[in-house]
Amino acid sequence: MATKAAAGAWRKASLLEALFSVDVYKRSQGITIRTLSFVGLMIFVLWGAQLLYARLITATYPLRVGVPLVLVVLSGWICFRLVNYPPFADFLIETEWEMRKVTWPTWSQLKRATAVVIAVTLLMAGFLYVVDLIWMGVLRLMGVLWVPSPQQAEQAAAELIRFGQWLAQWWLS
């Protein structure tokens, strides 16, 4: 038990050390994937900061700008430290090396494979549509399936549109 507690304490200490360190772990390895991971994380951070900025519309200007800016700076540091945290950085480095070993298809192979996927998807969609129509007919004959009239369907669609408009207004306010 004591060894597990000691190992957990070491992990916490190393995570805190990594968070406040300014070193770049294995500086020359995995540069591309670490940079792309950082950029991807920061896109979400900036998106969140923009949403927060929009939500703080009634706040004073320094507060409206300052809070998102402080959060972007702190999140940027955390993202930078995350891609340099040794276990995660090693994972990214190994991923980049494995991606270099991949044999990528040629353009013509890619077009053929894409055409096969699209054709099989369309065939399956058509088959499932026919099966659905058959089951719908059987279940209607049995009286199990109720199909609304065109007026009822139009009313339900109008209610759904009103709900979507309400949801959009709520989201944007």
C-alpha atoms as a PDB file:
ATOM      1  CA  MET A   1       0.000   0.000   0.000  1.00  0.00           C
ATOM      2  CA  ALA A   2       2.786   2.389   0.868  1.00  0.00           C
ATOM      3  CA  THR A   3       4.377   1.982  -2.571  1.00  0.00           C
ATOM      4  CA  LYS A   4       1.117   2.870  -4.353  1.00  0.00           C
ATOM      5  CA  ALA A   5       0.743   6.008  -2.247  1.00  0.00           C
ATOM      6  CA  ALA A   6       4.349   6.951  -2.907  1.00  0.00           C
ATOM      7  CA  ALA A   7       3.882   6.397  -6.646  1.00  0.00           C
ATOM      8  CA  GLY A   8       0.722   8.543  -6.633  1.00  0.00           C
ATOM      9  CA  ALA A   9       2.500  11.314  -4.755  1.00  0.00           C
ATOM     10  CA  TRP A  10       5.387  11.173  -7.237  1.00  0.00           C
ATOM     11  CA  ARG A  11       2.967  11.453 -10.181  1.00  0.00           C
ATOM     12  CA  LYS A  12       1.255  14.476  -8.586  1.00  0.00           C
ATOM     13  CA  ALA A  13       4.576  16.102  -7.861  1.00  0.00           C
ATOM     14  CA  SER A  14       5.832  15.505 -11.393  1.00  0.00           C
ATOM     15  CA  LEU A  15       2.584  16.878 -12.871  1.00  0.00           C
ATOM     16  CA  LEU A  16       2.921  20.039 -10.784  1.00  0.00           C
ATOM     17  CA  GLU A  17       6.586  20.300 -11.677  1.00  0.00           C
ATOM     18  CA  ALA A  18       5.729  19.922 -15.356  1.00  0.00           C
ATOM     19  CA  LEU A  19       2.995  22.563 -15.099  1.00  0.00           C
ATOM     20  CA  PHE A  20       5.380  25.180 -13.704  1.00  0.00           C
ATOM     21  CA  SER A  21       8.416  24.196 -15.749  1.00  0.00           C
ATOM     22  CA  VAL A  22       9.568  26.228 -18.728  1.00  0.00           C
ATOM     23  CA  ASP A  23      11.525  23.399 -20.354  1.00  0.00           C
ATOM     24  CA  VAL A  24      10.495  21.802 -23.628  1.00  0.00           C
ATOM     25  CA  TYR A  25      10.519  18.020 -23.314  1.00  0.00           C
ATOM     26  CA  LYS A  26      12.531  16.287 -26.086  1.00  0.00           C
ATOM     27  CA  ARG A  27      12.782  19.540 -28.005  1.00  0.00           C
ATOM     28  CA  SER A  28      13.708  18.070 -31.405  1.00  0.00           C
ATOM     29  CA  GLN A  29      11.194  15.197 -31.495  1.00  0.00           C
ATOM     30  CA  GLY A  30       7.547  15.241 -32.490  1.00  0.00           C
ATOM     31  CA  ILE A  31       7.555  18.922 -33.364  1.00  0.00           C
ATOM     32  CA  THR A  32       4.839  18.694 -36.016  1.00  0.00           C
ATOM     33  CA  ILE A  33       2.303  16.707 -34.028  1.00  0.00           C
ATOM     34  CA  ARG A  34       2.909  18.668 -30.835  1.00  0.00           C
ATOM     35  CA  THR A  35       2.463  21.946 -32.695  1.00  0.00           C
ATOM     36  CA  LEU A  36      -0.729  20.716 -34.349  1.00  0.00           C
ATOM     37  CA  SER A  37      -2.043  19.409 -31.024  1.00  0.00           C
ATOM     38  CA  PHE A  38      -1.352  22.765 -29.394  1.00  0.00           C
ATOM     39  CA  VAL A  39      -3.044  24.649 -32.235  1.00  0.00           C
ATOM     40  CA  GLY A  40      -6.071  22.332 -32.071  1.00  0.00           C
ATOM     41  CA  LEU A  41      -6.418  22.806 -28.320  1.00  0.00           C
ATOM     42  CA  MET A  42      -6.035  26.566 -28.666  1.00  0.00           C
ATOM     43  CA  ILE A  43      -8.769  26.730 -31.305  1.00  0.00           C
ATOM     44  CA  PHE A  44     -11.195  25.385 -28.701  1.00  0.00           C
ATOM     45  CA  VAL A  45      -9.829  27.772 -26.071  1.00  0.00           C
ATOM     46  CA  LEU A  46     -10.241  30.772 -28.386  1.00  0.00           C
ATOM     47  CA  TRP A  47     -13.728  29.641 -29.366  1.00  0.00           C
ATOM     48  CA  GLY A  48     -14.669  29.419 -25.686  1.00  0.00           C
ATOM     49  CA  ALA A  49     -13.161  32.843 -25.019  1.00  0.00           C
ATOM     50  CA  GLN A  50     -15.165  34.325 -27.873  1.00  0.00           C
ATOM     51  CA  LEU A  51     -18.375  32.790 -26.490  1.00  0.00           C
ATOM     52  CA  LEU A  52     -17.534  34.131 -23.025  1.00  0.00           C
ATOM     53  CA  TYR A  53     -16.852  37.575 -24.500  1.00  0.00           C
ATOM     54  CA  ALA A  54     -20.277  37.502 -26.179  1.00  0.00           C
ATOM     55  CA  ARG A  55     -21.964  36.401 -22.919  1.00  0.00           C
ATOM     56  CA  LEU A  56     -20.360  39.259 -20.974  1.00  0.00           C
ATOM     57  CA  ILE A  57     -22.045  41.886 -23.157  1.00  0.00           C
ATOM     58  CA  THR A  58     -23.494  43.732 -20.165  1.00  0.00           C
ATOM     59  CA  ALA A  59     -20.193  43.798 -18.258  1.00  0.00           C
ATOM     60  CA  THR A  60     -17.801  46.728 -18.255  1.00  0.00           C
ATOM     61  CA  TYR A  61     -15.238  46.771 -21.040  1.00  0.00           C
ATOM     62  CA  PRO A  62     -12.198  45.863 -18.894  1.00  0.00           C
ATOM     63  CA  LEU A  63     -14.096  42.931 -17.404  1.00  0.00           C
ATOM     64  CA  ARG A  64     -15.534  41.862 -20.754  1.00  0.00           C
ATOM     65  CA  VAL A  65     -12.078  41.794 -22.352  1.00  0.00           C
ATOM     66  CA  GLY A  66      -9.961  41.002 -19.311  1.00  0.00           C
ATOM     67  CA  VAL A  67     -11.618  37.784 -18.151  1.00  0.00           C
ATOM     68  CA  PRO A  68     -11.467  36.034 -21.556  1.00  0.00           C
ATOM     69  CA  LEU A  69      -7.924  37.327 -22.090  1.00  0.00           C
ATOM     70  CA  VAL A  70      -6.706  35.995 -18.737  1.00  0.00           C
ATOM     71  CA  LEU A  71      -8.409  32.657 -19.424  1.00  0.00           C
ATOM     72  CA  VAL A  72      -6.804  32.464 -22.892  1.00  0.00           C
ATOM     73  CA  VAL A  73      -3.348  33.149 -21.464  1.00  0.00           C
ATOM     74  CA  LEU A  74      -3.755  30.599 -18.651  1.00  0.00           C
ATOM     75  CA  SER A  75      -5.264  28.003 -20.979  1.00  0.00           C
ATOM     76  CA  GLY A  76      -2.515  28.649 -23.525  1.00  0.00           C
ATOM     77  CA  TRP A  77       0.098  27.944 -20.872  1.00  0.00           C
ATOM     78  CA  ILE A  78      -1.717  24.779 -19.765  1.00  0.00           C
ATOM     79  CA  CYS A  79      -1.999  23.598 -23.386  1.00  0.00           C
ATOM     80  CA  PHE A  80       1.695  24.308 -23.959  1.00  0.00           C
ATOM     81  CA  ARG A  81       2.631  22.411 -20.817  1.00  0.00           C
ATOM     82  CA  LEU A  82       0.278  19.560 -21.758  1.00  0.00           C
ATOM     83  CA  VAL A  83       2.013  18.913 -25.074  1.00  0.00           C
ATOM     84  CA  ASN A  84       5.321  18.968 -23.177  1.00  0.00           C
ATOM     85  CA  TYR A  85       4.153  16.766 -20.287  1.00  0.00           C
ATOM     86  CA  PRO A  86       6.459  13.727 -20.630  1.00  0.00           C
ATOM     87  CA  PRO A  87       3.850  10.903 -20.809  1.00  0.00           C
ATOM     88  CA  PHE A  88       1.667  12.837 -23.259  1.00  0.00           C
ATOM     89  CA  ALA A  89       4.641  14.145 -25.256  1.00  0.00           C
ATOM     90  CA  ASP A  90       6.036  10.607 -25.560  1.00  0.00           C
ATOM     91  CA  PHE A  91       2.645   9.440 -26.833  1.00  0.00           C
ATOM     92  CA  LEU A  92       2.578  12.227 -29.432  1.00  0.00           C
ATOM     93  CA  ILE A  93       6.171  11.527 -30.497  1.00  0.00           C
ATOM     94  CA  GLU A  94       5.455   7.810 -30.920  1.00  0.00           C
ATOM     95  CA  THR A  95       2.288   8.632 -32.851  1.00  0.00           C
ATOM     96  CA  GLU A  96       4.233  10.840 -35.252  1.00  0.00           C
ATOM     97  CA  TRP A  97       6.805   8.094 -35.799  1.00  0.00           C
ATOM     98  CA  GLU A  98       4.075   5.534 -36.474  1.00  0.00           C
ATOM     99  CA  MET A  99       2.384   7.895 -38.936  1.00  0.00           C
ATOM    100  CA  ARG A 100       5.651   8.141 -40.860  1.00  0.00           C
ATOM    101  CA  LYS A 101       5.624   4.348 -41.283  1.00  0.00           C
ATOM    102  CA  VAL A 102       2.162   4.333 -42.876  1.00  0.00           C
ATOM    103  CA  THR A 103       1.973   3.534 -46.560  1.00  0.00           C
ATOM    104  CA  TRP A 104      -0.442   6.133 -47.863  1.00  0.00           C
ATOM    105  CA  PRO A 105      -2.573   5.318 -50.932  1.00  0.00           C
ATOM    106  CA  THR A 106      -1.967   6.977 -54.264  1.00  0.00           C
ATOM    107  CA  TRP A 107      -4.510   9.448 -55.612  1.00  0.00           C
ATOM    108  CA  SER A 108      -6.084   6.857 -57.937  1.00  0.00           C
ATOM    109  CA  GLN A 109      -6.293   4.253 -55.136  1.00  0.00           C
ATOM    110  CA  LEU A 110      -7.915   6.846 -52.895  1.00  0.00           C
ATOM    111  CA  LYS A 111     -10.510   7.751 -55.555  1.00  0.00           C
ATOM    112  CA  ARG A 112     -11.352   4.063 -56.158  1.00  0.00           C
ATOM    113  CA  ALA A 113     -11.665   3.299 -52.445  1.00  0.00           C
ATOM    114  CA  THR A 114     -13.845   6.376 -51.942  1.00  0.00           C
ATOM    115  CA  ALA A 115     -16.097   5.342 -54.838  1.00  0.00           C
ATOM    116  CA  VAL A 116     -16.475   1.852 -53.323  1.00  0.00           C
ATOM    117  CA  VAL A 117     -17.403   3.295 -49.917  1.00  0.00           C
ATOM    118  CA  ILE A 118     -19.952   5.686 -51.439  1.00  0.00           C
ATOM    119  CA  ALA A 119     -21.463   2.932 -53.632  1.00  0.00           C
ATOM    120  CA  VAL A 120     -21.781   0.476 -50.732  1.00  0.00           C
ATOM    121  CA  THR A 121     -23.282   3.209 -48.523  1.00  0.00           C
ATOM    122  CA  LEU A 122     -25.878   4.075 -51.179  1.00  0.00           C
ATOM    123  CA  LEU A 123     -26.709   0.415 -51.767  1.00  0.00           C
ATOM    124  CA  MET A 124     -27.164  -0.190 -48.043  1.00  0.00           C
ATOM    125  CA  ALA A 125     -29.293   2.943 -47.719  1.00  0.00           C
ATOM    126  CA  GLY A 126     -31.503   1.771 -50.603  1.00  0.00           C
ATOM    127  CA  PHE A 127     -31.796  -1.730 -49.163  1.00  0.00           C
ATOM    128  CA  LEU A 128     -32.695  -0.422 -45.707  1.00  0.00           C
ATOM    129  CA  TYR A 129     -35.229   1.971 -47.252  1.00  0.00           C
ATOM    130  CA  VAL A 130     -36.959  -0.919 -49.044  1.00  0.00           C
ATOM    131  CA  VAL A 131     -36.927  -3.061 -45.887  1.00  0.00           C
ATOM    132  CA  ASP A 132     -38.349  -0.116 -43.927  1.00  0.00           C
ATOM    133  CA  LEU A 133     -41.138   0.346 -46.464  1.00  0.00           C
ATOM    134  CA  ILE A 134     -41.999  -3.364 -46.291  1.00  0.00           C
ATOM    135  CA  TRP A 135     -42.112  -3.374 -42.483  1.00  0.00           C
ATOM    136  CA  MET A 136     -44.095  -0.145 -42.451  1.00  0.00           C
ATOM    137  CA  GLY A 137     -46.694  -1.707 -44.758  1.00  0.00           C
ATOM    138  CA  VAL A 138     -46.880  -4.904 -42.684  1.00  0.00           C
ATOM    139  CA  LEU A 139     -47.197  -3.009 -39.402  1.00  0.00           C
ATOM    140  CA  ARG A 140     -49.861  -0.690 -40.874  1.00  0.00           C
ATOM    141  CA  LEU A 141     -51.898  -3.715 -41.992  1.00  0.00           C
ATOM    142  CA  MET A 142     -51.619  -5.159 -38.496  1.00  0.00           C
ATOM    143  CA  GLY A 143     -52.786  -1.856 -37.009  1.00  0.00           C
ATOM    144  CA  VAL A 144     -49.620  -1.401 -34.978  1.00  0.00           C
ATOM    145  CA  LEU A 145     -48.218   1.575 -36.898  1.00  0.00           C
ATOM    146  CA  TRP A 146     -50.101   4.850 -37.033  1.00  0.00           C
ATOM    147  CA  VAL A 147     -49.150   7.282 -39.808  1.00  0.00           C
ATOM    148  CA  PRO A 148     -50.211  10.930 -39.409  1.00  0.00           C
ATOM    149  CA  SER A 149     -52.207  12.730 -42.053  1.00  0.00           C
ATOM    150  CA  PRO A 150     -50.434  15.400 -44.137  1.00  0.00           C
ATOM    151  CA  GLN A 151     -52.051  18.151 -42.013  1.00  0.00           C
ATOM    152  CA  GLN A 152     -50.841  16.548 -38.775  1.00  0.00           C
ATOM    153  CA  ALA A 153     -47.351  16.126 -40.215  1.00  0.00           C
ATOM    154  CA  GLU A 154     -47.311  19.785 -41.293  1.00  0.00           C
ATOM    155  CA  GLN A 155     -48.401  20.890 -37.809  1.00  0.00           C
ATOM    156  CA  ALA A 156     -45.678  18.783 -36.181  1.00  0.00           C
ATOM    157  CA  ALA A 157     -43.066  20.251 -38.562  1.00  0.00           C
ATOM    158  CA  ALA A 158     -44.222  23.809 -37.698  1.00  0.00           C
ATOM    159  CA  GLU A 159     -43.883  23.036 -33.973  1.00  0.00           C
ATOM    160  CA  LEU A 160     -40.410  21.638 -34.555  1.00  0.00           C
ATOM    161  CA  ILE A 161     -39.405  24.785 -36.465  1.00  0.00           C
ATOM    162  CA  ARG A 162     -40.744  27.002 -33.650  1.00  0.00           C
ATOM    163  CA  PHE A 163     -38.737  24.981 -31.131  1.00  0.00           C
ATOM    164  CA  GLY A 164     -35.602  25.351 -33.266  1.00  0.00           C
ATOM    165  CA  GLN A 165     -36.099  29.108 -33.465  1.00  0.00           C
ATOM    166  CA  TRP A 166     -36.582  29.317 -29.688  1.00  0.00           C
ATOM    167  CA  LEU A 167     -33.453  27.216 -29.138  1.00  0.00           C
ATOM    168  CA  ALA A 168     -31.420  29.443 -31.473  1.00  0.00           C
ATOM    169  CA  GLN A 169     -32.622  32.613 -29.689  1.00  0.00           C
ATOM    170  CA  TRP A 170     -31.805  31.093 -26.303  1.00  0.00           C
ATOM    171  CA  TRP A 171     -28.348  30.014 -27.467  1.00  0.00           C
ATOM    172  CA  LEU A 172     -27.471  33.386 -28.978  1.00  0.00           C
ATOM    173  CA  SER A 173     -28.775  35.453 -26.053  1.00  0.00           C
END
